[in-house]
Amino acid sequence: MTLLVNLLGLALIAVIIWWFWLSESRAAKVVGRTSLTVLVNGGVYAPDRIEVATGQPVQLTFVRKDASPCAAQVVFTDLNLSFDLTTDKATEVNLPALNPGEYPFTCQMGMYRGLIKVT
């Protein structure tokens, strides 16, 4: 019985590691448009990778479906910006034109993660 509990525990740990760190990225390119909707649900942002052109301001609309307290805020640390997200409501996030580089965004606890790549 102890062996079964240990195996289930290890399997759960493996699923958590895969879910948060190893799962395949859901990417979206914002080319020729300036807005994109990001769904916050099930512990992830979808899409979690967003590619934009240099010098192009972008409007992201975050739609929070996840009631978890971790999903209550999106934080752009490198841009010194954060926004509160209300459950089942759209929140518009207007980002200025960005220099080339990568700009991560997370929940306030760093568990939900996404990235804006500017090329």
N, C-alpha and C. Protein backbone atom coordinates (compact mmCIF):
# COMPACT_ATOMS: atom_id res chain seq x y z
N MET A 1 0.82 -1.20 0.00
CA MET A 1 0.00 0.00 0.00
C MET A 1 0.87 1.27 0.00
N THR A 2 1.91 1.26 0.81
CA THR A 2 2.82 2.41 0.87
C THR A 2 3.48 2.64 -0.49
N LEU A 3 3.84 1.55 -1.16
CA LEU A 3 4.46 1.67 -2.48
C LEU A 3 3.50 2.33 -3.46
N LEU A 4 2.24 1.96 -3.41
CA LEU A 4 1.23 2.54 -4.30
C LEU A 4 1.07 4.04 -4.05
N VAL A 5 1.02 4.43 -2.80
CA VAL A 5 0.90 5.85 -2.44
C VAL A 5 2.12 6.62 -2.93
N ASN A 6 3.31 6.05 -2.76
CA ASN A 6 4.53 6.71 -3.22
C ASN A 6 4.55 6.85 -4.74
N LEU A 7 4.13 5.82 -5.45
CA LEU A 7 4.09 5.87 -6.91
C LEU A 7 3.09 6.91 -7.40
N LEU A 8 1.93 6.98 -6.76
CA LEU A 8 0.95 8.00 -7.11
C LEU A 8 1.48 9.41 -6.84
N GLY A 9 2.19 9.57 -5.74
CA GLY A 9 2.80 10.85 -5.41
C GLY A 9 3.83 11.27 -6.44
N LEU A 10 4.67 10.34 -6.87
CA LEU A 10 5.68 10.63 -7.89
C LEU A 10 5.02 10.96 -9.23
N ALA A 11 3.96 10.23 -9.55
CA ALA A 11 3.24 10.51 -10.80
C ALA A 11 2.64 11.91 -10.76
N LEU A 12 2.08 12.30 -9.65
CA LEU A 12 1.50 13.63 -9.50
C LEU A 12 2.58 14.71 -9.63
N ILE A 13 3.72 14.50 -9.04
CA ILE A 13 4.83 15.44 -9.16
C ILE A 13 5.26 15.57 -10.62
N ALA A 14 5.34 14.45 -11.33
CA ALA A 14 5.72 14.48 -12.75
C ALA A 14 4.71 15.27 -13.57
N VAL A 15 3.43 15.09 -13.30
CA VAL A 15 2.38 15.82 -14.03
C VAL A 15 2.50 17.31 -13.76
N ILE A 16 2.73 17.69 -12.53
CA ILE A 16 2.87 19.11 -12.17
C ILE A 16 4.08 19.72 -12.88
N ILE A 17 5.20 19.02 -12.88
CA ILE A 17 6.40 19.53 -13.56
C ILE A 17 6.13 19.69 -15.04
N TRP A 18 5.49 18.68 -15.65
CA TRP A 18 5.19 18.77 -17.07
C TRP A 18 4.24 19.94 -17.33
N TRP A 19 3.21 20.08 -16.55
CA TRP A 19 2.18 21.10 -16.78
C TRP A 19 2.75 22.51 -16.74
N PHE A 20 3.58 22.78 -15.73
CA PHE A 20 4.06 24.15 -15.54
C PHE A 20 5.37 24.46 -16.27
N TRP A 21 6.22 23.47 -16.53
CA TRP A 21 7.53 23.78 -17.08
C TRP A 21 7.86 23.10 -18.41
N LEU A 22 7.25 21.98 -18.72
CA LEU A 22 7.66 21.24 -19.91
C LEU A 22 6.61 21.15 -21.01
N SER A 23 5.39 21.59 -20.74
CA SER A 23 4.34 21.45 -21.75
C SER A 23 4.64 22.36 -22.94
N GLU A 24 4.13 21.98 -24.10
CA GLU A 24 4.38 22.72 -25.33
C GLU A 24 3.73 24.10 -25.29
N SER A 25 4.45 25.05 -25.80
CA SER A 25 4.00 26.43 -25.81
C SER A 25 2.88 26.64 -26.81
N ARG A 26 1.95 27.52 -26.48
CA ARG A 26 0.89 27.93 -27.38
C ARG A 26 1.23 29.33 -27.87
N ALA A 27 1.78 29.43 -29.10
CA ALA A 27 2.30 30.70 -29.60
C ALA A 27 1.31 31.39 -30.53
N ALA A 28 1.37 32.72 -30.54
CA ALA A 28 0.56 33.52 -31.45
C ALA A 28 1.41 34.69 -31.94
N LYS A 29 1.30 34.98 -33.23
CA LYS A 29 2.00 36.13 -33.79
C LYS A 29 1.00 37.25 -34.02
N VAL A 30 1.40 38.43 -33.63
CA VAL A 30 0.57 39.61 -33.87
C VAL A 30 1.26 40.36 -35.00
N VAL A 31 0.87 40.03 -36.23
CA VAL A 31 1.45 40.67 -37.41
C VAL A 31 0.32 41.29 -38.20
N GLY A 32 0.43 42.56 -38.49
CA GLY A 32 -0.60 43.24 -39.26
C GLY A 32 -1.84 43.57 -38.45
N ARG A 33 -1.79 43.35 -37.16
CA ARG A 33 -2.90 43.73 -36.29
C ARG A 33 -2.30 44.18 -34.96
N THR A 34 -3.11 44.79 -34.14
CA THR A 34 -2.56 45.34 -32.90
C THR A 34 -3.25 44.80 -31.66
N SER A 35 -4.11 43.78 -31.81
CA SER A 35 -4.78 43.27 -30.62
C SER A 35 -4.81 41.74 -30.63
N LEU A 36 -4.90 41.18 -29.45
CA LEU A 36 -4.93 39.74 -29.28
C LEU A 36 -5.63 39.43 -27.96
N THR A 37 -6.43 38.36 -27.94
CA THR A 37 -7.09 37.93 -26.71
C THR A 37 -6.29 36.80 -26.08
N VAL A 38 -6.04 36.91 -24.78
CA VAL A 38 -5.32 35.89 -24.01
C VAL A 38 -6.29 35.31 -22.99
N LEU A 39 -6.53 34.02 -23.07
CA LEU A 39 -7.42 33.33 -22.15
C LEU A 39 -6.62 32.87 -20.93
N VAL A 40 -7.13 33.15 -19.74
CA VAL A 40 -6.50 32.73 -18.49
C VAL A 40 -7.39 31.63 -17.91
N ASN A 41 -6.94 30.39 -18.04
CA ASN A 41 -7.78 29.27 -17.61
C ASN A 41 -6.93 28.02 -17.38
N GLY A 42 -7.28 27.25 -16.39
CA GLY A 42 -6.61 25.98 -16.14
C GLY A 42 -5.14 26.09 -15.78
N GLY A 43 -4.75 27.19 -15.20
CA GLY A 43 -3.35 27.34 -14.77
C GLY A 43 -2.41 27.84 -15.84
N VAL A 44 -2.95 28.29 -16.99
CA VAL A 44 -2.08 28.75 -18.08
C VAL A 44 -2.68 29.97 -18.78
N TYR A 45 -1.81 30.67 -19.50
CA TYR A 45 -2.24 31.70 -20.43
C TYR A 45 -2.28 31.04 -21.81
N ALA A 46 -3.31 31.32 -22.60
CA ALA A 46 -3.39 30.78 -23.95
C ALA A 46 -3.76 31.89 -24.91
N PRO A 47 -2.86 32.31 -25.77
CA PRO A 47 -1.51 31.78 -25.97
C PRO A 47 -0.56 32.28 -24.88
N ASP A 48 0.50 31.54 -24.68
CA ASP A 48 1.48 31.95 -23.67
C ASP A 48 2.74 32.54 -24.29
N ARG A 49 2.86 32.48 -25.61
CA ARG A 49 3.96 33.13 -26.34
C ARG A 49 3.35 34.02 -27.41
N ILE A 50 3.73 35.28 -27.37
CA ILE A 50 3.18 36.26 -28.30
C ILE A 50 4.34 36.95 -28.99
N GLU A 51 4.31 36.96 -30.32
CA GLU A 51 5.36 37.60 -31.09
C GLU A 51 4.80 38.86 -31.73
N VAL A 52 5.51 39.98 -31.53
CA VAL A 52 5.09 41.26 -32.11
C VAL A 52 6.27 41.92 -32.81
N ALA A 53 5.95 42.84 -33.69
CA ALA A 53 6.99 43.57 -34.41
C ALA A 53 7.51 44.72 -33.56
N THR A 54 8.77 45.04 -33.75
CA THR A 54 9.39 46.18 -33.06
C THR A 54 8.65 47.46 -33.41
N GLY A 55 8.45 48.29 -32.42
CA GLY A 55 7.82 49.58 -32.63
C GLY A 55 6.31 49.54 -32.80
N GLN A 56 5.70 48.40 -32.56
CA GLN A 56 4.25 48.25 -32.73
C GLN A 56 3.57 48.18 -31.37
N PRO A 57 2.73 49.18 -31.01
CA PRO A 57 2.00 49.06 -29.76
C PRO A 57 1.01 47.90 -29.86
N VAL A 58 0.74 47.26 -28.75
CA VAL A 58 -0.12 46.07 -28.75
C VAL A 58 -1.17 46.18 -27.65
N GLN A 59 -2.37 45.76 -27.99
CA GLN A 59 -3.44 45.67 -26.99
C GLN A 59 -3.72 44.19 -26.75
N LEU A 60 -3.52 43.76 -25.52
CA LEU A 60 -3.85 42.39 -25.12
C LEU A 60 -5.13 42.44 -24.30
N THR A 61 -6.06 41.57 -24.61
CA THR A 61 -7.29 41.49 -23.84
C THR A 61 -7.25 40.18 -23.06
N PHE A 62 -7.07 40.27 -21.76
CA PHE A 62 -7.03 39.09 -20.90
C PHE A 62 -8.44 38.75 -20.45
N VAL A 63 -8.85 37.52 -20.70
CA VAL A 63 -10.16 37.03 -20.28
C VAL A 63 -9.91 35.94 -19.24
N ARG A 64 -10.23 36.25 -18.00
CA ARG A 64 -9.98 35.32 -16.89
C ARG A 64 -11.17 34.41 -16.68
N LYS A 65 -10.95 33.10 -16.87
CA LYS A 65 -11.97 32.09 -16.60
C LYS A 65 -11.62 31.30 -15.34
N ASP A 66 -10.39 31.37 -14.92
CA ASP A 66 -9.88 30.63 -13.77
C ASP A 66 -10.16 31.40 -12.49
N ALA A 67 -10.87 30.78 -11.54
CA ALA A 67 -11.22 31.45 -10.28
C ALA A 67 -10.08 31.42 -9.26
N SER A 68 -8.99 30.76 -9.58
CA SER A 68 -7.86 30.67 -8.66
C SER A 68 -7.34 32.06 -8.30
N PRO A 69 -7.00 32.28 -7.03
CA PRO A 69 -6.44 33.58 -6.63
C PRO A 69 -5.17 33.93 -7.39
N CYS A 70 -4.45 32.92 -7.85
CA CYS A 70 -3.21 33.16 -8.59
C CYS A 70 -3.50 33.86 -9.92
N ALA A 71 -4.69 33.66 -10.47
CA ALA A 71 -5.04 34.25 -11.77
C ALA A 71 -5.57 35.68 -11.64
N ALA A 72 -5.58 36.22 -10.46
CA ALA A 72 -6.20 37.53 -10.21
C ALA A 72 -5.41 38.70 -10.75
N GLN A 73 -4.17 38.47 -11.17
CA GLN A 73 -3.35 39.59 -11.60
C GLN A 73 -2.37 39.11 -12.67
N VAL A 74 -2.08 39.97 -13.64
CA VAL A 74 -1.01 39.70 -14.61
C VAL A 74 0.06 40.77 -14.39
N VAL A 75 1.31 40.32 -14.36
CA VAL A 75 2.43 41.21 -14.02
C VAL A 75 3.46 41.18 -15.15
N PHE A 76 3.82 42.36 -15.64
CA PHE A 76 4.88 42.53 -16.62
C PHE A 76 6.05 43.17 -15.88
N THR A 77 6.88 42.36 -15.25
CA THR A 77 7.94 42.85 -14.37
C THR A 77 8.90 43.77 -15.10
N ASP A 78 9.36 43.37 -16.29
CA ASP A 78 10.34 44.18 -17.02
C ASP A 78 9.78 45.52 -17.48
N LEU A 79 8.47 45.62 -17.58
CA LEU A 79 7.82 46.87 -18.00
C LEU A 79 7.29 47.66 -16.81
N ASN A 80 7.43 47.09 -15.61
CA ASN A 80 6.94 47.70 -14.38
C ASN A 80 5.44 47.98 -14.45
N LEU A 81 4.68 46.98 -14.97
CA LEU A 81 3.24 47.09 -15.10
C LEU A 81 2.55 45.88 -14.47
N SER A 82 1.38 46.09 -13.90
CA SER A 82 0.55 44.98 -13.42
C SER A 82 -0.92 45.39 -13.57
N PHE A 83 -1.76 44.37 -13.77
CA PHE A 83 -3.18 44.62 -13.99
C PHE A 83 -4.00 43.59 -13.24
N ASP A 84 -5.05 44.04 -12.59
CA ASP A 84 -5.99 43.13 -11.92
C ASP A 84 -6.92 42.53 -12.95
N LEU A 85 -7.17 41.22 -12.83
CA LEU A 85 -8.05 40.51 -13.74
C LEU A 85 -9.28 40.04 -12.98
N THR A 86 -10.46 40.41 -13.46
CA THR A 86 -11.71 40.01 -12.84
C THR A 86 -12.23 38.75 -13.53
N THR A 87 -12.75 37.82 -12.74
CA THR A 87 -13.27 36.57 -13.29
C THR A 87 -14.41 36.84 -14.26
N ASP A 88 -14.35 36.17 -15.41
CA ASP A 88 -15.37 36.25 -16.47
C ASP A 88 -15.56 37.64 -17.06
N LYS A 89 -14.53 38.46 -16.99
CA LYS A 89 -14.57 39.78 -17.62
C LYS A 89 -13.28 40.01 -18.39
N ALA A 90 -13.40 40.76 -19.46
CA ALA A 90 -12.23 41.10 -20.27
C ALA A 90 -11.51 42.31 -19.67
N THR A 91 -10.19 42.23 -19.64
CA THR A 91 -9.36 43.34 -19.16
C THR A 91 -8.40 43.72 -20.26
N GLU A 92 -8.50 44.96 -20.73
CA GLU A 92 -7.62 45.43 -21.80
C GLU A 92 -6.31 45.92 -21.22
N VAL A 93 -5.22 45.43 -21.80
CA VAL A 93 -3.87 45.81 -21.40
C VAL A 93 -3.21 46.44 -22.62
N ASN A 94 -2.94 47.72 -22.55
CA ASN A 94 -2.31 48.43 -23.67
C ASN A 94 -0.82 48.57 -23.39
N LEU A 95 -0.02 47.97 -24.26
CA LEU A 95 1.43 48.03 -24.12
C LEU A 95 1.98 48.99 -25.16
N PRO A 96 2.97 49.79 -24.77
CA PRO A 96 3.57 50.72 -25.73
C PRO A 96 4.41 49.95 -26.76
N ALA A 97 4.87 50.66 -27.77
CA ALA A 97 5.81 50.06 -28.73
C ALA A 97 7.05 49.64 -27.94
N LEU A 98 7.49 48.42 -28.17
CA LEU A 98 8.60 47.86 -27.39
C LEU A 98 9.85 47.68 -28.25
N ASN A 99 11.00 47.76 -27.60
CA ASN A 99 12.27 47.48 -28.27
C ASN A 99 12.42 45.98 -28.46
N PRO A 100 13.26 45.55 -29.40
CA PRO A 100 13.48 44.11 -29.59
C PRO A 100 13.93 43.45 -28.28
N GLY A 101 13.42 42.26 -28.05
CA GLY A 101 13.77 41.52 -26.84
C GLY A 101 12.63 40.64 -26.40
N GLU A 102 12.76 40.09 -25.22
CA GLU A 102 11.73 39.22 -24.65
C GLU A 102 11.24 39.82 -23.34
N TYR A 103 9.93 39.86 -23.21
CA TYR A 103 9.28 40.46 -22.06
C TYR A 103 8.33 39.43 -21.43
N PRO A 104 8.75 38.84 -20.30
CA PRO A 104 7.88 37.84 -19.66
C PRO A 104 6.70 38.49 -18.95
N PHE A 105 5.62 37.73 -18.83
CA PHE A 105 4.49 38.13 -17.99
C PHE A 105 4.06 36.92 -17.19
N THR A 106 3.62 37.17 -15.95
CA THR A 106 3.28 36.09 -15.02
C THR A 106 2.09 36.51 -14.16
N CYS A 107 1.59 35.55 -13.40
CA CYS A 107 0.67 35.90 -12.33
C CYS A 107 1.51 36.46 -11.19
N GLN A 108 0.88 36.95 -10.15
CA GLN A 108 1.65 37.55 -9.05
C GLN A 108 2.52 36.53 -8.31
N MET A 109 2.20 35.24 -8.43
CA MET A 109 3.00 34.21 -7.77
C MET A 109 4.03 33.56 -8.71
N GLY A 110 3.99 33.92 -9.99
CA GLY A 110 4.94 33.40 -10.96
C GLY A 110 4.63 32.00 -11.46
N MET A 111 3.44 31.48 -11.19
CA MET A 111 3.08 30.13 -11.62
C MET A 111 2.52 30.12 -13.05
N TYR A 112 1.69 31.08 -13.40
CA TYR A 112 1.21 31.22 -14.77
C TYR A 112 2.28 32.05 -15.48
N ARG A 113 2.75 31.58 -16.63
CA ARG A 113 3.84 32.29 -17.29
C ARG A 113 3.59 32.46 -18.78
N GLY A 114 4.00 33.60 -19.28
CA GLY A 114 3.91 33.88 -20.70
C GLY A 114 5.08 34.76 -21.13
N LEU A 115 5.19 34.96 -22.44
CA LEU A 115 6.33 35.72 -22.95
C LEU A 115 5.91 36.50 -24.20
N ILE A 116 6.31 37.75 -24.24
CA ILE A 116 6.14 38.56 -25.44
C ILE A 116 7.52 38.68 -26.07
N LYS A 117 7.64 38.22 -27.32
CA LYS A 117 8.90 38.32 -28.05
C LYS A 117 8.75 39.39 -29.11
N VAL A 118 9.62 40.40 -29.04
CA VAL A 118 9.57 41.51 -29.97
C VAL A 118 10.72 41.36 -30.96
N THR A 119 10.39 41.28 -32.24
CA THR A 119 11.43 41.10 -33.28
C THR A 119 11.39 42.21 -34.30
